[in-house]
């Protein structure tokens, strides 16, 4: 039996319906087309699904640009 869950797209705030939710599942927002990843099941939360080649390393995410 398929279960249907709903969450908001972090890009456009439209509702995204997801069947058979599991962590790491990637879905596409039907409104804006952004590819999203399920990052939390309880509560259901979606976030951008970065390309692994483009995803910043954790130590680079919060680094401020150096001023010249």
C-alpha atoms as a PDB file:
ATOM      1  CA  UNK A   1       0.000   0.000   0.000  1.00  0.00           C
ATOM      2  CA  UNK A   2       1.376   3.378  -1.016  1.00  0.00           C
ATOM      3  CA  UNK A   3       1.316   6.159   1.539  1.00  0.00           C
ATOM      4  CA  UNK A   4       0.992   9.769   0.440  1.00  0.00           C
ATOM      5  CA  UNK A   5       2.732  12.564   2.345  1.00  0.00           C
ATOM      6  CA  UNK A   6       2.759  16.296   1.618  1.00  0.00           C
ATOM      7  CA  UNK A   7       5.416  18.937   2.281  1.00  0.00           C
ATOM      8  CA  UNK A   8       6.170  22.459   1.071  1.00  0.00           C
ATOM      9  CA  UNK A   9       8.800  23.189  -1.541  1.00  0.00           C
ATOM     10  CA  UNK A  10      11.572  25.328   0.039  1.00  0.00           C
ATOM     11  CA  UNK A  11      11.897  27.263  -3.231  1.00  0.00           C
ATOM     12  CA  UNK A  12       8.341  28.244  -4.171  1.00  0.00           C
ATOM     13  CA  UNK A  13       6.274  27.154  -1.093  1.00  0.00           C
ATOM     14  CA  UNK A  14       3.954  24.994  -3.234  1.00  0.00           C
ATOM     15  CA  UNK A  15       2.814  21.636  -1.894  1.00  0.00           C
ATOM     16  CA  UNK A  16       4.751  18.589  -3.058  1.00  0.00           C
ATOM     17  CA  UNK A  17       3.066  15.174  -2.807  1.00  0.00           C
ATOM     18  CA  UNK A  18       5.395  12.250  -2.092  1.00  0.00           C
ATOM     19  CA  UNK A  19       4.545   8.551  -2.081  1.00  0.00           C
ATOM     20  CA  UNK A  20       6.523   5.990  -0.073  1.00  0.00           C
ATOM     21  CA  UNK A  21       8.606   8.594   1.766  1.00  0.00           C
ATOM     22  CA  UNK A  22      12.120   7.621   2.839  1.00  0.00           C
ATOM     23  CA  UNK A  23      15.170   9.649   3.804  1.00  0.00           C
ATOM     24  CA  UNK A  24      17.287  10.548   0.778  1.00  0.00           C
ATOM     25  CA  UNK A  25      14.430  10.196  -1.706  1.00  0.00           C
ATOM     26  CA  UNK A  26      14.637  12.789  -4.481  1.00  0.00           C
ATOM     27  CA  UNK A  27      11.478  14.316  -5.938  1.00  0.00           C
ATOM     28  CA  UNK A  28      10.741  17.154  -8.332  1.00  0.00           C
ATOM     29  CA  UNK A  29       8.501  20.075  -7.396  1.00  0.00           C
ATOM     30  CA  UNK A  30       5.575  20.038  -9.846  1.00  0.00           C
ATOM     31  CA  UNK A  31       5.384  23.844  -9.805  1.00  0.00           C
ATOM     32  CA  UNK A  32       8.958  25.175 -10.073  1.00  0.00           C
ATOM     33  CA  UNK A  33      10.742  21.997 -11.221  1.00  0.00           C
ATOM     34  CA  UNK A  34      13.420  22.110  -8.489  1.00  0.00           C
ATOM     35  CA  UNK A  35      14.828  18.698  -7.565  1.00  0.00           C
ATOM     36  CA  UNK A  36      14.399  18.195  -3.817  1.00  0.00           C
ATOM     37  CA  UNK A  37      15.642  15.605  -1.324  1.00  0.00           C
ATOM     38  CA  UNK A  38      13.791  14.277   1.727  1.00  0.00           C
ATOM     39  CA  UNK A  39      16.072  15.245   4.625  1.00  0.00           C
ATOM     40  CA  UNK A  40      13.684  14.469   7.480  1.00  0.00           C
ATOM     41  CA  UNK A  41      10.705  12.148   7.814  1.00  0.00           C
ATOM     42  CA  UNK A  42       9.330  13.238  11.208  1.00  0.00           C
ATOM     43  CA  UNK A  43       8.510  16.012  10.476  1.00  0.00           C
ATOM     44  CA  UNK A  44       8.651  15.652   6.705  1.00  0.00           C
ATOM     45  CA  UNK A  45      11.146  18.179   5.377  1.00  0.00           C
ATOM     46  CA  UNK A  46      12.511  18.787   1.888  1.00  0.00           C
ATOM     47  CA  UNK A  47      15.719  20.562   0.878  1.00  0.00           C
ATOM     48  CA  UNK A  48      17.599  21.224  -2.337  1.00  0.00           C
ATOM     49  CA  UNK A  49      19.117  18.079  -3.870  1.00  0.00           C
ATOM     50  CA  UNK A  50      22.573  19.344  -4.797  1.00  0.00           C
ATOM     51  CA  UNK A  51      24.703  17.638  -7.402  1.00  0.00           C
ATOM     52  CA  UNK A  52      27.474  15.920  -5.392  1.00  0.00           C
ATOM     53  CA  UNK A  53      30.062  17.665  -7.581  1.00  0.00           C
ATOM     54  CA  UNK A  54      28.566  21.071  -6.749  1.00  0.00           C
ATOM     55  CA  UNK A  55      27.627  20.555  -3.095  1.00  0.00           C
ATOM     56  CA  UNK A  56      29.861  22.626  -0.806  1.00  0.00           C
ATOM     57  CA  UNK A  57      31.978  20.805   1.739  1.00  0.00           C
ATOM     58  CA  UNK A  58      30.807  21.377   5.351  1.00  0.00           C
ATOM     59  CA  UNK A  59      33.877  23.452   6.182  1.00  0.00           C
ATOM     60  CA  UNK A  60      33.227  25.684   3.143  1.00  0.00           C
ATOM     61  CA  UNK A  61      29.529  26.319   3.759  1.00  0.00           C
ATOM     62  CA  UNK A  62      30.005  28.903   6.497  1.00  0.00           C
ATOM     63  CA  UNK A  63      33.296  30.379   5.401  1.00  0.00           C
ATOM     64  CA  UNK A  64      33.149  34.117   4.734  1.00  0.00           C
ATOM     65  CA  UNK A  65      34.773  35.401   1.562  1.00  0.00           C
ATOM     66  CA  UNK A  66      38.177  36.923   2.165  1.00  0.00           C
ATOM     67  CA  UNK A  67      38.345  40.663   1.601  1.00  0.00           C
ATOM     68  CA  UNK A  68      41.185  41.805  -0.631  1.00  0.00           C
END
